[in-house]
Amino acid sequence: VFFLDTDRALVLLEEYCKKLRKPEEQQLKKAIRKVMGIFKSSLFQALLGSFKEKATRHGTTSHTSLPVALACDVLGCPKD
């Protein structure tokens, strides 16, 4: 679930970046691309895997994941 949520967050962020065309939006676009790079990094994926293991042990896997929560916060997505 967590890895799929990361993929979902990346898709949402990519779609949002495509809408950023104005010169004053380029700094935001650059920052979002950095976040996307972090989400794709092996370190982030390893930390996410560790988080998933801990959440599974504590029975909290049904909560919205950090990547999707962050993307939805930035994009104003409706919460599921």
PDB file of N, CA and C in Angstrom:
ATOM      1  N   VAL A   1       0.827  -1.194   0.000  1.00  0.00           N
ATOM      2  CA  VAL A   1       0.000   0.000   0.000  1.00  0.00           C
ATOM      3  C   VAL A   1       0.867   1.252   0.000  1.00  0.00           C
ATOM      4  N   PHE A   2       1.897   1.265   0.836  1.00  0.00           N
ATOM      5  CA  PHE A   2       2.724   2.462   0.958  1.00  0.00           C
ATOM      6  C   PHE A   2       3.460   2.778  -0.333  1.00  0.00           C
ATOM      7  N   PHE A   3       3.968   1.746  -1.006  1.00  0.00           N
ATOM      8  CA  PHE A   3       4.700   1.989  -2.247  1.00  0.00           C
ATOM      9  C   PHE A   3       3.756   2.464  -3.343  1.00  0.00           C
ATOM     10  N   LEU A   4       2.542   1.936  -3.380  1.00  0.00           N
ATOM     11  CA  LEU A   4       1.553   2.395  -4.341  1.00  0.00           C
ATOM     12  C   LEU A   4       1.170   3.840  -4.057  1.00  0.00           C
ATOM     13  N   ASP A   5       1.104   4.200  -2.781  1.00  0.00           N
ATOM     14  CA  ASP A   5       0.795   5.571  -2.421  1.00  0.00           C
ATOM     15  C   ASP A   5       1.897   6.518  -2.872  1.00  0.00           C
ATOM     16  N   THR A   6       3.140   6.069  -2.799  1.00  0.00           N
ATOM     17  CA  THR A   6       4.253   6.884  -3.284  1.00  0.00           C
ATOM     18  C   THR A   6       4.111   7.098  -4.781  1.00  0.00           C
ATOM     19  N   ASP A   7       3.776   6.054  -5.503  1.00  0.00           N
ATOM     20  CA  ASP A   7       3.570   6.182  -6.951  1.00  0.00           C
ATOM     21  C   ASP A   7       2.431   7.150  -7.245  1.00  0.00           C
ATOM     22  N   ARG A   8       1.375   7.052  -6.476  1.00  0.00           N
ATOM     23  CA  ARG A   8       0.226   7.956  -6.648  1.00  0.00           C
ATOM     24  C   ARG A   8       0.644   9.407  -6.390  1.00  0.00           C
ATOM     25  N   ALA A   9       1.422   9.615  -5.338  1.00  0.00           N
ATOM     26  CA  ALA A   9       1.905  10.959  -5.023  1.00  0.00           C
ATOM     27  C   ALA A   9       2.772  11.499  -6.152  1.00  0.00           C
ATOM     28  N   LEU A  10       3.627  10.664  -6.704  1.00  0.00           N
ATOM     29  CA  LEU A  10       4.488  11.093  -7.809  1.00  0.00           C
ATOM     30  C   LEU A  10       3.666  11.476  -9.036  1.00  0.00           C
ATOM     31  N   VAL A  11       2.628  10.719  -9.330  1.00  0.00           N
ATOM     32  CA  VAL A  11       1.753  11.042 -10.458  1.00  0.00           C
ATOM     33  C   VAL A  11       1.067  12.388 -10.231  1.00  0.00           C
ATOM     34  N   LEU A  12       0.554  12.587  -9.020  1.00  0.00           N
ATOM     35  CA  LEU A  12      -0.121  13.857  -8.705  1.00  0.00           C
ATOM     36  C   LEU A  12       0.844  15.036  -8.803  1.00  0.00           C
ATOM     37  N   LEU A  13       2.045  14.860  -8.292  1.00  0.00           N
ATOM     38  CA  LEU A  13       3.028  15.941  -8.352  1.00  0.00           C
ATOM     39  C   LEU A  13       3.453  16.226  -9.788  1.00  0.00           C
ATOM     40  N   GLU A  14       3.610  15.196 -10.588  1.00  0.00           N
ATOM     41  CA  GLU A  14       3.979  15.379 -11.997  1.00  0.00           C
ATOM     42  C   GLU A  14       2.885  16.132 -12.752  1.00  0.00           C
ATOM     43  N   GLU A  15       1.638  15.765 -12.507  1.00  0.00           N
ATOM     44  CA  GLU A  15       0.515  16.458 -13.145  1.00  0.00           C
ATOM     45  C   GLU A  15       0.490  17.933 -12.743  1.00  0.00           C
ATOM     46  N   TYR A  16       0.750  18.197 -11.482  1.00  0.00           N
ATOM     47  CA  TYR A  16       0.763  19.575 -10.997  1.00  0.00           C
ATOM     48  C   TYR A  16       1.914  20.362 -11.642  1.00  0.00           C
ATOM     49  N   CYS A  17       3.080  19.728 -11.757  1.00  0.00           N
ATOM     50  CA  CYS A  17       4.238  20.400 -12.364  1.00  0.00           C
ATOM     51  C   CYS A  17       3.955  20.802 -13.813  1.00  0.00           C
ATOM     52  N   LYS A  18       3.215  19.983 -14.515  1.00  0.00           N
ATOM     53  CA  LYS A  18       2.892  20.299 -15.913  1.00  0.00           C
ATOM     54  C   LYS A  18       2.059  21.569 -16.024  1.00  0.00           C
ATOM     55  N   LYS A  19       1.343  21.916 -14.976  1.00  0.00           N
ATOM     56  CA  LYS A  19       0.501  23.118 -14.985  1.00  0.00           C
ATOM     57  C   LYS A  19       1.285  24.382 -14.642  1.00  0.00           C
ATOM     58  N   LEU A  20       2.486  24.219 -14.128  1.00  0.00           N
ATOM     59  CA  LEU A  20       3.299  25.361 -13.715  1.00  0.00           C
ATOM     60  C   LEU A  20       4.111  25.862 -14.905  1.00  0.00           C
ATOM     61  N   ARG A  21       3.630  26.896 -15.544  1.00  0.00           N
ATOM     62  CA  ARG A  21       4.277  27.402 -16.759  1.00  0.00           C
ATOM     63  C   ARG A  21       4.750  28.847 -16.630  1.00  0.00           C
ATOM     64  N   LYS A  22       4.175  29.588 -15.712  1.00  0.00           N
ATOM     65  CA  LYS A  22       4.525  30.995 -15.553  1.00  0.00           C
ATOM     66  C   LYS A  22       5.935  31.126 -14.979  1.00  0.00           C
ATOM     67  N   PRO A  23       6.648  32.184 -15.361  1.00  0.00           N
ATOM     68  CA  PRO A  23       8.014  32.369 -14.839  1.00  0.00           C
ATOM     69  C   PRO A  23       8.072  32.383 -13.308  1.00  0.00           C
ATOM     70  N   GLU A  24       7.081  32.987 -12.670  1.00  0.00           N
ATOM     71  CA  GLU A  24       7.091  33.061 -11.209  1.00  0.00           C
ATOM     72  C   GLU A  24       6.799  31.716 -10.536  1.00  0.00           C
ATOM     73  N   GLU A  25       6.362  30.731 -11.312  1.00  0.00           N
ATOM     74  CA  GLU A  25       6.059  29.399 -10.774  1.00  0.00           C
ATOM     75  C   GLU A  25       7.234  28.429 -10.910  1.00  0.00           C
ATOM     76  N   GLN A  26       8.297  28.861 -11.558  1.00  0.00           N
ATOM     77  CA  GLN A  26       9.404  27.951 -11.838  1.00  0.00           C
ATOM     78  C   GLN A  26      10.174  27.538 -10.586  1.00  0.00           C
ATOM     79  N   GLN A  27      10.240  28.417  -9.602  1.00  0.00           N
ATOM     80  CA  GLN A  27      10.906  28.054  -8.350  1.00  0.00           C
ATOM     81  C   GLN A  27      10.109  26.963  -7.630  1.00  0.00           C
ATOM     82  N   LEU A  28       8.792  27.095  -7.625  1.00  0.00           N
ATOM     83  CA  LEU A  28       7.936  26.066  -7.035  1.00  0.00           C
ATOM     84  C   LEU A  28       8.091  24.752  -7.792  1.00  0.00           C
ATOM     85  N   LYS A  29       8.108  24.827  -9.113  1.00  0.00           N
ATOM     86  CA  LYS A  29       8.267  23.635  -9.942  1.00  0.00           C
ATOM     87  C   LYS A  29       9.586  22.926  -9.618  1.00  0.00           C
ATOM     88  N   LYS A  30      10.645  23.704  -9.448  1.00  0.00           N
ATOM     89  CA  LYS A  30      11.951  23.138  -9.125  1.00  0.00           C
ATOM     90  C   LYS A  30      11.909  22.446  -7.762  1.00  0.00           C
ATOM     91  N   ALA A  31      11.254  23.063  -6.784  1.00  0.00           N
ATOM     92  CA  ALA A  31      11.138  22.476  -5.447  1.00  0.00           C
ATOM     93  C   ALA A  31      10.335  21.177  -5.477  1.00  0.00           C
ATOM     94  N   ILE A  32       9.260  21.171  -6.251  1.00  0.00           N
ATOM     95  CA  ILE A  32       8.443  19.957  -6.358  1.00  0.00           C
ATOM     96  C   ILE A  32       9.238  18.841  -7.015  1.00  0.00           C
ATOM     97  N   ARG A  33      10.019  19.172  -8.019  1.00  0.00           N
ATOM     98  CA  ARG A  33      10.857  18.160  -8.682  1.00  0.00           C
ATOM     99  C   ARG A  33      11.887  17.581  -7.702  1.00  0.00           C
ATOM    100  N   LYS A  34      12.394  18.409  -6.787  1.00  0.00           N
ATOM    101  CA  LYS A  34      13.321  17.906  -5.761  1.00  0.00           C
ATOM    102  C   LYS A  34      12.605  16.909  -4.855  1.00  0.00           C
ATOM    103  N   VAL A  35      11.386  17.242  -4.450  1.00  0.00           N
ATOM    104  CA  VAL A  35      10.601  16.325  -3.617  1.00  0.00           C
ATOM    105  C   VAL A  35      10.363  15.020  -4.363  1.00  0.00           C
ATOM    106  N   MET A  36      10.062  15.116  -5.642  1.00  0.00           N
ATOM    107  CA  MET A  36       9.841  13.917  -6.445  1.00  0.00           C
ATOM    108  C   MET A  36      11.110  13.058  -6.485  1.00  0.00           C
ATOM    109  N   GLY A  37      12.254  13.714  -6.604  1.00  0.00           N
ATOM    110  CA  GLY A  37      13.526  12.985  -6.593  1.00  0.00           C
ATOM    111  C   GLY A  37      13.752  12.266  -5.274  1.00  0.00           C
ATOM    112  N   ILE A  38      13.365  12.908  -4.189  1.00  0.00           N
ATOM    113  CA  ILE A  38      13.485  12.280  -2.870  1.00  0.00           C
ATOM    114  C   ILE A  38      12.575  11.059  -2.790  1.00  0.00           C
ATOM    115  N   PHE A  39      11.332  11.200  -3.250  1.00  0.00           N
ATOM    116  CA  PHE A  39      10.399  10.075  -3.223  1.00  0.00           C
ATOM    117  C   PHE A  39      10.936   8.888  -4.031  1.00  0.00           C
ATOM    118  N   LYS A  40      11.670   9.163  -5.096  1.00  0.00           N
ATOM    119  CA  LYS A  40      12.202   8.104  -5.961  1.00  0.00           C
ATOM    120  C   LYS A  40      13.505   7.513  -5.438  1.00  0.00           C
ATOM    121  N   SER A  41      14.131   8.164  -4.468  1.00  0.00           N
ATOM    122  CA  SER A  41      15.448   7.726  -3.989  1.00  0.00           C
ATOM    123  C   SER A  41      15.367   6.392  -3.243  1.00  0.00           C
ATOM    124  N   SER A  42      16.465   5.655  -3.317  1.00  0.00           N
ATOM    125  CA  SER A  42      16.519   4.369  -2.624  1.00  0.00           C
ATOM    126  C   SER A  42      16.490   4.561  -1.108  1.00  0.00           C
ATOM    127  N   LEU A  43      17.061   5.650  -0.603  1.00  0.00           N
ATOM    128  CA  LEU A  43      17.022   5.915   0.827  1.00  0.00           C
ATOM    129  C   LEU A  43      15.581   6.117   1.298  1.00  0.00           C
ATOM    130  N   PHE A  44      14.817   6.924   0.570  1.00  0.00           N
ATOM    131  CA  PHE A  44      13.428   7.157   0.943  1.00  0.00           C
ATOM    132  C   PHE A  44      12.638   5.857   0.886  1.00  0.00           C
ATOM    133  N   GLN A  45      12.841   5.074  -0.146  1.00  0.00           N
ATOM    134  CA  GLN A  45      12.125   3.810  -0.279  1.00  0.00           C
ATOM    135  C   GLN A  45      12.472   2.862   0.864  1.00  0.00           C
ATOM    136  N   ALA A  46      13.742   2.863   1.292  1.00  0.00           N
ATOM    137  CA  ALA A  46      14.148   2.016   2.418  1.00  0.00           C
ATOM    138  C   ALA A  46      13.481   2.493   3.712  1.00  0.00           C
ATOM    139  N   LEU A  47      13.460   3.809   3.920  1.00  0.00           N
ATOM    140  CA  LEU A  47      12.801   4.350   5.107  1.00  0.00           C
ATOM    141  C   LEU A  47      11.307   4.053   5.088  1.00  0.00           C
ATOM    142  N   LEU A  48      10.714   4.139   3.922  1.00  0.00           N
ATOM    143  CA  LEU A  48       9.301   3.847   3.774  1.00  0.00           C
ATOM    144  C   LEU A  48       9.023   2.379   4.095  1.00  0.00           C
ATOM    145  N   GLY A  49       9.911   1.505   3.646  1.00  0.00           N
ATOM    146  CA  GLY A  49       9.782   0.083   3.953  1.00  0.00           C
ATOM    147  C   GLY A  49       9.858  -0.171   5.445  1.00  0.00           C
ATOM    148  N   SER A  50      10.768   0.531   6.113  1.00  0.00           N
ATOM    149  CA  SER A  50      10.900   0.404   7.564  1.00  0.00           C
ATOM    150  C   SER A  50       9.646   0.919   8.256  1.00  0.00           C
ATOM    151  N   PHE A  51       9.125   2.049   7.780  1.00  0.00           N
ATOM    152  CA  PHE A  51       7.895   2.611   8.334  1.00  0.00           C
ATOM    153  C   PHE A  51       6.740   1.625   8.156  1.00  0.00           C
ATOM    154  N   LYS A  52       6.678   1.002   6.985  1.00  0.00           N
ATOM    155  CA  LYS A  52       5.605   0.038   6.709  1.00  0.00           C
ATOM    156  C   LYS A  52       5.671  -1.137   7.678  1.00  0.00           C
ATOM    157  N   GLU A  53       6.878  -1.643   7.918  1.00  0.00           N
ATOM    158  CA  GLU A  53       7.036  -2.756   8.851  1.00  0.00           C
ATOM    159  C   GLU A  53       6.564  -2.383  10.248  1.00  0.00           C
ATOM    160  N   LYS A  54       6.954  -1.202  10.717  1.00  0.00           N
ATOM    161  CA  LYS A  54       6.549  -0.752  12.048  1.00  0.00           C
ATOM    162  C   LYS A  54       5.042  -0.534  12.117  1.00  0.00           C
ATOM    163  N   ALA A  55       4.474   0.065  11.070  1.00  0.00           N
ATOM    164  CA  ALA A  55       3.037   0.321  11.046  1.00  0.00           C
ATOM    165  C   ALA A  55       2.250  -0.982  11.037  1.00  0.00           C
ATOM    166  N   THR A  56       2.758  -1.968  10.312  1.00  0.00           N
ATOM    167  CA  THR A  56       2.097  -3.274  10.252  1.00  0.00           C
ATOM    168  C   THR A  56       2.090  -3.917  11.631  1.00  0.00           C
ATOM    169  N   ARG A  57       3.224  -3.817  12.330  1.00  0.00           N
ATOM    170  CA  ARG A  57       3.306  -4.389  13.677  1.00  0.00           C
ATOM    171  C   ARG A  57       2.354  -3.716  14.655  1.00  0.00           C
ATOM    172  N   HIS A  58       2.109  -2.425  14.429  1.00  0.00           N
ATOM    173  CA  HIS A  58       1.238  -1.669  15.333  1.00  0.00           C
ATOM    174  C   HIS A  58      -0.199  -1.570  14.822  1.00  0.00           C
ATOM    175  N   GLY A  59      -0.485  -2.188  13.682  1.00  0.00           N
ATOM    176  CA  GLY A  59      -1.843  -2.206  13.152  1.00  0.00           C
ATOM    177  C   GLY A  59      -2.321  -0.864  12.621  1.00  0.00           C
ATOM    178  N   THR A  60      -1.411  -0.052  12.091  1.00  0.00           N
ATOM    179  CA  THR A  60      -1.788   1.287  11.617  1.00  0.00           C
ATOM    180  C   THR A  60      -1.596   1.448  10.119  1.00  0.00           C
ATOM    181  N   THR A  61      -1.632   0.368   9.360  1.00  0.00           N
ATOM    182  CA  THR A  61      -1.369   0.460   7.925  1.00  0.00           C
ATOM    183  C   THR A  61      -2.508   1.093   7.141  1.00  0.00           C
ATOM    184  N   SER A  62      -3.665   1.266   7.740  1.00  0.00           N
ATOM    185  CA  SER A  62      -4.791   1.829   6.998  1.00  0.00           C
ATOM    186  C   SER A  62      -4.730   3.353   6.907  1.00  0.00           C
ATOM    187  N   HIS A  63      -3.831   3.990   7.653  1.00  0.00           N
ATOM    188  CA  HIS A  63      -3.721   5.445   7.617  1.00  0.00           C
ATOM    189  C   HIS A  63      -3.112   5.912   6.305  1.00  0.00           C
ATOM    190  N   THR A  64      -3.475   7.104   5.878  1.00  0.00           N
ATOM    191  CA  THR A  64      -2.913   7.690   4.665  1.00  0.00           C
ATOM    192  C   THR A  64      -1.416   7.788   4.811  1.00  0.00           C
ATOM    193  N   SER A  65      -0.702   7.441   3.764  1.00  0.00           N
ATOM    194  CA  SER A  65       0.752   7.484   3.818  1.00  0.00           C
ATOM    195  C   SER A  65       1.269   8.909   3.720  1.00  0.00           C
ATOM    196  N   LEU A  66       2.486   9.094   4.161  1.00  0.00           N
ATOM    197  CA  LEU A  66       3.126  10.401   4.132  1.00  0.00           C
ATOM    198  C   LEU A  66       3.230  10.968   2.719  1.00  0.00           C
ATOM    199  N   PRO A  67       3.666  10.204   1.707  1.00  0.00           N
ATOM    200  CA  PRO A  67       3.778  10.779   0.365  1.00  0.00           C
ATOM    201  C   PRO A  67       2.460  11.307  -0.190  1.00  0.00           C
ATOM    202  N   VAL A  68       1.406  10.540  -0.031  1.00  0.00           N
ATOM    203  CA  VAL A  68       0.111  10.980  -0.556  1.00  0.00           C
ATOM    204  C   VAL A  68      -0.415  12.154   0.248  1.00  0.00           C
ATOM    205  N   ALA A  69      -0.233  12.116   1.552  1.00  0.00           N
ATOM    206  CA  ALA A  69      -0.676  13.231   2.390  1.00  0.00           C
ATOM    207  C   ALA A  69       0.030  14.515   1.985  1.00  0.00           C
ATOM    208  N   LEU A  70       1.330  14.427   1.722  1.00  0.00           N
ATOM    209  CA  LEU A  70       2.095  15.597   1.304  1.00  0.00           C
ATOM    210  C   LEU A  70       1.623  16.100  -0.052  1.00  0.00           C
ATOM    211  N   ALA A  71       1.469  15.199  -1.007  1.00  0.00           N
ATOM    212  CA  ALA A  71       1.027  15.597  -2.347  1.00  0.00           C
ATOM    213  C   ALA A  71      -0.357  16.220  -2.294  1.00  0.00           C
ATOM    214  N   CYS A  72      -1.249  15.627  -1.543  1.00  0.00           N
ATOM    215  CA  CYS A  72      -2.607  16.167  -1.448  1.00  0.00           C
ATOM    216  C   CYS A  72      -2.630  17.493  -0.713  1.00  0.00           C
ATOM    217  N   ASP A  73      -1.737  17.665   0.247  1.00  0.00           N
ATOM    218  CA  ASP A  73      -1.658  18.946   0.942  1.00  0.00           C
ATOM    219  C   ASP A  73      -1.211  20.034  -0.026  1.00  0.00           C
ATOM    220  N   VAL A  74      -0.220  19.728  -0.859  1.00  0.00           N
ATOM    221  CA  VAL A  74       0.291  20.700  -1.831  1.00  0.00           C
ATOM    222  C   VAL A  74      -0.743  20.982  -2.898  1.00  0.00           C
ATOM    223  N   LEU A  75      -1.411  19.926  -3.375  1.00  0.00           N
ATOM    224  CA  LEU A  75      -2.321  20.059  -4.523  1.00  0.00           C
ATOM    225  C   LEU A  75      -3.753  20.344  -4.125  1.00  0.00           C
ATOM    226  N   GLY A  76      -4.079  20.210  -2.864  1.00  0.00           N
ATOM    227  CA  GLY A  76      -5.449  20.422  -2.414  1.00  0.00           C
ATOM    228  C   GLY A  76      -6.372  19.300  -2.839  1.00  0.00           C
ATOM    229  N   CYS A  77      -5.864  18.065  -2.868  1.00  0.00           N
ATOM    230  CA  CYS A  77      -6.662  16.899  -3.268  1.00  0.00           C
ATOM    231  C   CYS A  77      -7.695  16.581  -2.198  1.00  0.00           C
ATOM    232  N   PRO A  78      -8.840  16.070  -2.605  1.00  0.00           N
ATOM    233  CA  PRO A  78      -9.804  15.601  -1.601  1.00  0.00           C
ATOM    234  C   PRO A  78      -9.252  14.370  -0.903  1.00  0.00           C
ATOM    235  N   LYS A  79      -9.505  14.259   0.380  1.00  0.00           N
ATOM    236  CA  LYS A  79      -9.041  13.105   1.152  1.00  0.00           C
ATOM    237  C   LYS A  79     -10.016  11.951   0.941  1.00  0.00           C
ATOM    238  N   ASP A  80      -9.462  10.732   0.797  1.00  0.00           N
ATOM    239  CA  ASP A  80     -10.289   9.526   0.624  1.00  0.00           C
ATOM    240  C   ASP A  80     -10.977   9.167   1.913  1.00  0.00           C
TER     241      ASP A  80
END
